[in-house]
Protein backbone atom coordinates (compact mmCIF):
# COMPACT_ATOMS: atom_id res chain seq x y z
CA MET A 1 -0.10 -0.15 0.00
CA PRO A 2 1.38 3.26 -0.93
CA HIS A 3 2.78 5.76 1.91
CA LEU A 4 0.78 8.99 1.06
CA PRO A 5 1.84 12.46 2.05
CA GLY A 6 0.77 13.01 5.53
CA SER A 7 1.09 9.39 6.59
CA PRO A 8 3.29 8.32 9.69
CA PHE A 9 5.61 6.95 7.25
CA TRP A 10 6.22 9.99 5.32
CA GLN A 11 6.58 12.09 8.53
CA ARG A 12 9.08 9.70 10.07
CA VAL A 13 11.17 9.99 6.88
CA GLY A 14 11.00 13.68 7.11
CA SER A 15 8.56 16.54 7.34
CA HIS A 16 6.26 16.37 4.33
CA SER A 17 6.05 20.19 4.34
CA GLN A 18 9.78 20.54 4.22
CA VAL A 19 10.11 18.11 1.33
CA LEU A 20 7.42 19.84 -0.62
CA ASP A 21 8.73 23.18 0.03
CA TYR A 22 12.31 22.03 -1.17
CA HIS A 23 10.74 20.60 -4.40
CA LEU A 24 8.71 23.70 -4.96
CA SER A 25 11.79 26.11 -4.74
CA MET A 26 13.39 23.95 -7.47
CA LEU A 27 10.27 23.90 -9.84
CA LEU A 28 10.19 27.88 -9.17
CA ASP A 29 13.75 28.29 -10.31
CA THR A 30 13.13 29.14 -13.88
CA ALA A 31 16.95 29.14 -15.06
CA ARG A 32 17.11 25.57 -13.52
CA MET A 33 14.03 24.33 -15.33
CA ASP A 34 14.51 26.21 -18.54
CA SER A 35 18.04 24.79 -18.89
CA TYR A 36 16.93 21.30 -18.36
CA ARG A 37 13.94 21.65 -20.62
CA ARG A 38 16.13 22.82 -23.50
CA ALA A 39 18.62 20.12 -22.89
CA ILE A 40 15.89 17.36 -22.65
CA ASN A 41 14.24 18.76 -26.00
CA ALA A 42 17.59 18.71 -27.60
CA SER A 43 18.53 15.10 -26.67
CA VAL A 44 15.28 13.04 -26.31
CA GLN A 45 13.99 11.75 -29.73
CA PRO A 46 10.49 10.31 -30.20
CA GLY A 47 10.63 6.59 -29.28
CA ASP A 48 13.43 6.85 -26.92
CA VAL A 49 13.71 4.92 -23.66
CA VAL A 50 14.87 7.38 -20.82
CA VAL A 51 15.95 6.76 -17.36
CA ASP A 52 15.46 9.66 -14.85
CA ILE A 53 17.73 9.29 -11.66
CA GLY A 54 16.40 11.04 -8.63
CA CYS A 55 13.28 12.25 -10.36
CA GLY A 56 11.71 14.02 -7.23
CA THR A 57 8.54 15.26 -8.09
CA GLY A 58 8.75 13.95 -11.81
CA VAL A 59 9.32 17.30 -13.64
CA LEU A 60 12.23 16.06 -15.80
CA THR A 61 10.43 12.88 -16.44
CA PHE A 62 7.60 14.87 -17.70
CA MET A 63 9.64 16.87 -19.78
CA ALA A 64 10.97 13.67 -21.38
CA CYS A 65 7.68 12.61 -22.04
CA GLU A 66 6.76 15.92 -23.99
CA ALA A 67 10.03 15.50 -25.97
CA GLY A 68 8.79 12.14 -27.26
CA ALA A 69 9.83 9.51 -24.96
CA GLU A 70 8.26 6.22 -25.50
CA LYS A 71 9.10 5.03 -22.04
CA VAL A 72 10.36 6.72 -18.87
CA TYR A 73 11.75 4.92 -15.97
CA ALA A 74 11.67 7.34 -12.95
CA ILE A 75 13.88 6.34 -10.07
CA GLU A 76 13.70 7.99 -6.63
CA GLY A 77 14.63 6.89 -3.26
CA GLY A 78 12.40 9.40 -1.19
CA PRO A 79 9.00 9.27 -0.34
CA VAL A 80 8.29 12.25 -2.51
CA ILE A 81 7.97 9.34 -5.38
CA GLU A 82 4.32 9.19 -4.21
CA VAL A 83 3.75 12.50 -5.21
CA ALA A 84 5.42 12.07 -8.44
CA ARG A 85 2.87 9.12 -9.13
CA GLU A 86 0.02 11.30 -8.36
CA LEU A 87 1.37 14.02 -10.61
CA ALA A 88 2.01 11.78 -13.61
CA VAL A 89 -1.71 10.64 -13.61
CA ASP A 90 -2.96 14.21 -13.12
CA ASN A 91 -0.93 15.40 -15.88
CA GLY A 92 -1.69 12.61 -18.34
CA PHE A 93 1.90 10.94 -18.31
CA ALA A 94 1.13 7.85 -16.31
CA ASP A 95 0.81 5.40 -19.35
CA ARG A 96 4.57 5.89 -20.41
CA ILE A 97 6.20 6.11 -16.80
CA GLU A 98 7.33 3.39 -14.69
CA PHE A 99 8.21 4.55 -11.18
CA LEU A 100 10.94 2.64 -9.46
CA GLU A 101 11.29 3.19 -5.73
CA GLY A 102 14.91 3.05 -4.39
CA TRP A 103 18.40 4.05 -5.13
CA SER A 104 19.53 3.64 -8.86
CA ILE A 105 22.51 1.45 -7.75
CA ASP A 106 19.90 -0.99 -6.35
CA VAL A 107 17.30 -1.25 -9.14
CA GLY A 108 17.47 -2.83 -12.72
CA LEU A 109 15.69 -1.99 -15.90
CA PRO A 110 13.76 -4.42 -17.98
CA GLU A 111 15.60 -2.63 -21.16
CA PRO A 112 18.52 -0.49 -21.68
CA ALA A 113 17.76 3.31 -21.76
CA ASP A 114 18.81 5.62 -24.84
CA VAL A 115 19.09 8.82 -22.50
CA LEU A 116 20.07 9.29 -18.79
CA ILE A 117 18.75 12.43 -17.17
CA THR A 118 19.70 13.30 -13.70
CA GLU A 119 19.56 16.30 -11.56
CA THR A 120 21.68 15.12 -8.64
CA ILE A 121 23.74 18.17 -8.55
CA GLY A 122 24.24 19.56 -5.16
CA ASN A 123 24.96 22.99 -3.95
CA ALA A 124 28.73 22.21 -4.22
CA GLY A 125 28.21 20.20 -7.37
CA LEU A 126 29.47 16.63 -6.47
CA ASP A 127 27.68 16.50 -3.13
CA GLU A 128 24.67 14.49 -4.28
CA GLY A 129 26.53 11.58 -5.60
CA ILE A 130 26.33 12.37 -9.37
CA VAL A 131 29.60 10.55 -9.98
CA ALA A 132 28.47 7.40 -8.57
CA TRP A 133 25.03 7.44 -10.00
CA THR A 134 26.09 8.11 -13.72
CA SER A 135 29.10 5.60 -13.36
CA ASP A 136 26.85 2.85 -12.39
CA ALA A 137 24.22 3.69 -14.85
CA ARG A 138 26.74 3.58 -17.78
CA LYS A 139 27.35 -0.07 -16.84
CA ARG A 140 23.93 -1.41 -16.04
CA LEU A 141 21.16 0.79 -17.30
CA LEU A 142 22.09 2.28 -20.70
CA ARG A 143 22.82 1.09 -23.98
CA PRO A 144 26.21 1.62 -25.80
CA GLY A 145 26.44 5.22 -26.77
CA ALA A 146 23.51 6.36 -24.80
CA LEU A 147 23.29 10.23 -24.20
CA ILE A 148 23.98 11.38 -20.37
CA LEU A 149 22.62 14.59 -19.31
CA PRO A 150 24.45 16.65 -17.84
CA GLN A 151 27.61 15.60 -19.67
CA ARG A 152 30.13 17.67 -17.65
CA LEU A 153 30.31 19.13 -14.24
CA ARG A 154 32.90 21.51 -12.94
CA THR A 155 33.64 22.53 -9.50
CA TRP A 156 34.91 25.76 -8.62
CA ILE A 157 36.77 26.97 -5.23
CA ALA A 158 37.64 30.29 -3.89
CA ALA A 159 39.33 31.69 -0.74
CA ALA A 160 36.41 32.93 1.15
CA GLU A 161 35.54 35.31 4.24
CA SER A 162 32.31 34.70 5.84
CA PHE A 163 31.97 35.60 9.67
CA ASP A 164 28.24 34.25 9.80
CA ASP A 165 29.13 31.03 8.10
CA HIS A 166 32.05 30.40 10.21
CA ALA A 167 30.08 31.05 13.44
CA LEU A 168 28.30 27.72 12.82
CA ILE A 169 31.74 26.33 13.72
CA SER A 170 33.11 28.72 16.46
CA ASP A 171 29.84 28.78 18.46
CA TRP A 172 30.43 25.21 19.31
CA LEU A 173 33.18 26.77 21.77
CA THR A 174 31.02 29.41 23.34
CA PRO A 175 30.95 29.30 27.18
CA GLU A 176 27.53 29.55 27.24
CA LEU A 177 27.24 25.95 26.29
CA PRO A 178 26.36 23.59 29.35
CA TYR A 179 29.29 20.90 28.67
CA ASP A 180 32.68 20.56 26.50
CA TYR A 181 31.36 20.45 22.94
CA SER A 182 34.90 20.61 21.56
CA ALA A 183 34.23 17.27 19.48
CA ALA A 184 31.33 18.77 17.86
CA PHE A 185 33.62 22.01 17.04
CA LEU A 186 36.08 19.58 15.49
CA ARG A 187 33.51 17.59 13.65
CA SER A 188 31.66 20.65 12.19
CA ALA A 189 35.15 21.96 11.03
CA ARG A 190 35.35 18.84 9.02
CA THR A 191 32.01 19.36 7.38
CA LEU A 192 30.83 20.58 4.09
CA LEU A 193 28.52 23.62 4.88
CA PHE A 194 25.72 25.26 2.68
CA ALA A 195 25.95 29.17 2.35
CA ASP A 196 24.84 31.99 0.23
CA ILE A 197 28.03 33.21 -1.22
CA THR A 198 28.39 36.57 -2.77
CA PRO A 199 31.39 38.06 -4.50
CA VAL A 200 31.80 40.37 -1.24
CA ASN A 201 32.95 36.93 0.42
CA LEU A 202 35.78 36.18 -1.88
CA LEU A 203 39.38 37.02 -1.13
CA GLY A 204 40.57 36.04 -4.69
CA GLN A 205 39.70 34.82 -8.12
CA PRO A 206 38.30 31.30 -8.08
CA GLU A 207 39.81 28.30 -9.74
CA ILE A 208 38.46 24.92 -11.00
CA ALA A 209 38.97 22.27 -8.65
CA ALA A 210 37.57 19.29 -10.62
CA ASP A 211 36.29 19.04 -14.37
CA THR A 212 34.30 15.75 -14.24
CA ASP A 213 33.23 14.20 -17.69
CA LEU A 214 30.21 12.11 -16.61
CA THR A 215 30.22 10.20 -19.76
CA THR A 216 33.35 8.59 -18.80
CA ALA A 217 34.13 9.35 -14.93
CA PRO A 218 34.93 6.07 -12.98
CA ASN A 219 33.16 5.54 -9.66
CA GLU A 220 36.26 6.80 -7.73
CA THR A 221 37.19 9.62 -5.47
CA THR A 222 37.69 12.90 -7.16
CA THR A 223 41.05 14.49 -5.98
CA SER A 224 42.75 17.73 -6.87
CA THR A 225 45.11 20.21 -5.78
CA GLY A 226 46.29 23.70 -6.70
CA ILE A 227 47.25 27.34 -5.91
CA LEU A 228 44.79 30.27 -4.92
CA GLN A 229 46.00 33.74 -5.16
CA VAL A 230 44.82 36.27 -2.32
CA ASP A 231 43.79 39.52 -3.92
CA ARG A 232 42.84 41.53 -0.75
CA ASP A 233 43.61 41.78 2.89
CA GLY A 234 41.02 39.78 4.91
CA THR A 235 40.21 36.88 7.30
CA LEU A 236 40.27 33.55 5.69
CA HIS A 237 37.55 31.27 7.04
CA GLY A 238 37.34 28.69 4.35
CA LEU A 239 36.91 27.69 0.80
CA ALA A 240 33.77 28.81 -1.22
CA CYS A 241 32.71 26.25 -3.71
CA TRP A 242 30.01 25.87 -6.46
CA PHE A 243 29.46 24.34 -10.16
CA ASP A 244 29.01 25.04 -13.59
CA SER A 245 27.51 22.21 -15.74
CA LEU A 246 27.09 21.31 -19.50
CA LEU A 247 23.95 19.65 -19.93
CA CYS A 248 24.18 19.06 -23.51
CA PRO A 249 25.88 21.07 -26.17
CA GLY A 250 25.01 24.61 -25.91
CA VAL A 251 23.13 24.36 -22.88
CA THR A 252 24.64 24.93 -19.23
CA VAL A 253 23.55 25.66 -15.69
CA ASP A 254 25.21 26.76 -12.77
CA ASN A 255 25.00 28.40 -9.25
CA SER A 256 27.98 30.72 -9.50
CA PRO A 257 27.74 33.43 -6.91
CA PRO A 258 25.57 35.53 -6.79
CA ARG A 259 22.43 33.59 -8.04
CA GLU A 260 19.32 35.54 -7.43
CA ASP A 261 16.11 33.73 -7.02
CA SER A 262 18.05 30.32 -7.18
CA SER A 263 17.09 27.20 -5.48
CA TRP A 264 20.80 26.40 -5.17
CA SER A 265 23.12 27.98 -2.53
CA GLN A 266 26.92 27.20 -2.59
CA GLY A 267 29.20 24.98 -0.46
CA PHE A 268 31.43 26.21 2.16
CA LEU A 269 34.65 24.28 3.39
CA PRO A 270 35.50 25.83 6.66
CA LEU A 271 38.84 26.30 8.59
CA ALA A 272 38.83 25.19 12.06
CA GLU A 273 40.69 28.34 12.99
CA PRO A 274 40.42 31.38 10.71
CA ILE A 275 43.57 33.37 9.95
CA GLU A 276 44.38 36.78 8.73
CA VAL A 277 45.59 36.82 4.92
CA TYR A 278 47.06 39.42 2.74
CA ALA A 279 46.77 40.51 -0.64
CA GLY A 280 49.50 38.83 -2.62
CA GLU A 281 49.73 35.66 -0.48
CA GLN A 282 49.16 32.16 -2.11
CA LEU A 283 47.18 29.21 -0.67
CA ARG A 284 47.92 25.73 -1.74
CA TRP A 285 44.79 23.65 -1.41
CA ASN A 286 43.98 19.85 -1.71
CA LEU A 287 40.59 18.45 -2.08
CA ALA A 288 39.07 15.06 -2.17
CA VAL A 289 35.36 14.09 -2.77
CA SER A 290 34.14 10.61 -2.65
CA ALA A 291 31.96 9.41 -5.73
CA ASP A 292 28.84 9.09 -3.51
CA GLY A 293 29.51 12.90 -2.36
CA GLU A 294 29.30 11.85 1.05
CA SER A 295 33.04 12.46 2.13
CA TRP A 296 34.70 15.66 1.66
CA THR A 297 38.31 16.21 2.89
CA TRP A 298 40.48 19.41 2.36
CA GLU A 299 43.45 21.04 3.33
CA ILE A 300 44.72 24.61 2.94
CA ASP A 301 48.55 25.92 3.46
CA LEU A 302 50.12 29.10 3.17
CA VAL A 303 52.81 28.67 0.27
CA ASP A 304 55.24 30.94 1.90
CA GLN A 305 55.32 29.25 5.26
CA GLN A 306 53.85 25.80 4.51
CA SER A 307 52.07 25.46 7.91
CA PRO A 308 48.83 23.62 7.80
CA LEU A 309 45.59 25.76 8.29
CA SER A 310 42.85 22.82 8.09
CA ASP A 311 42.61 19.31 9.31
CA SER A 312 41.49 16.93 6.62
C-alpha cells in the first residue's frame, strides 16, 4: 500500500511540508527548469527509452515525455515518489512512466535506456553523488552510446571570508554551552556546509577544482590540488565552492555567486581556525570528494610558510 503524504511513514522520513517546499523551490527556479527543458528537448528523440535518476516530483520525467519519449523509468529513493506518481496521473503521463522506488544502484531496468537524465547536482556540485550514479548507470542501465545529461560538471573553489558562516563552527566553543562541545566543534570543522556566497565574500579569483566528464568518470574519489591567489586583505574562513555544468552542447546551468532567485546555494569548506591573510599571498589547497558525495576532505596551506591551516 503506498505511503501517502501526511502518513506516519512520510513524517518519519522527514517533514512532508519541508520536502514539498524544497521541491517547490526547484520548480520555481526558472533558470534551472529552462536549462533542463532545452537540454531534454535537444537530447530526447521520439521513441526513446529514458531513465531519470532522482526524479523527485517527476518534472524532468514529464519533460522527457513531452519531448517524445516512449518510456521513462523514473527512479527515486525518497517518499516524494508518491507525489510524482499522483502528478503523473493528473498530467496525463502515467501510461509512459514506470516509477521505481529506491536508489538507482539497487534497481534494474527491463531494457537499456537511450538517454539518462539526472539532476543530482548539489550546492557544491558533487555532493549529491552524481559521479556514483552516472558511473553505475553507464555499466548497467544504458545502451552503448546512450546520451547522458548532464555531460560535464565543473567544481570551482575560492578563498572566502564569511564571519556568519564560520559562526556555525566557532559557536560550538562558546562558554554559554552547558558542557564541553569541542568534539562537535572539530566535527563541524570537517563538514561541508551550505551558504549563500556573494562576491563580497571572496578573497581572490576562483579556480577550477575538478572538471568531471560524466560520460566517462569512474566510480572513484575525485582528487585535486592547486594554488589560490589572495587578492585582498581579510580573514580566511574557508573555501567557497560551486559548480557549472554542461547539460548538452550549448546548454549550461550553474550556481556561480551571486545567483538571485536560485534554488541552489553554494558550498563552504571551513577552517577550524580562521587566519588573517594579505593581498599577494598564495594558498595551496588539496581536495578529495568521494564518488557518492558523502566524504569531503580538504587542506589549505600558506605557500610562503607551509603551515597547515585545516584538518582533513
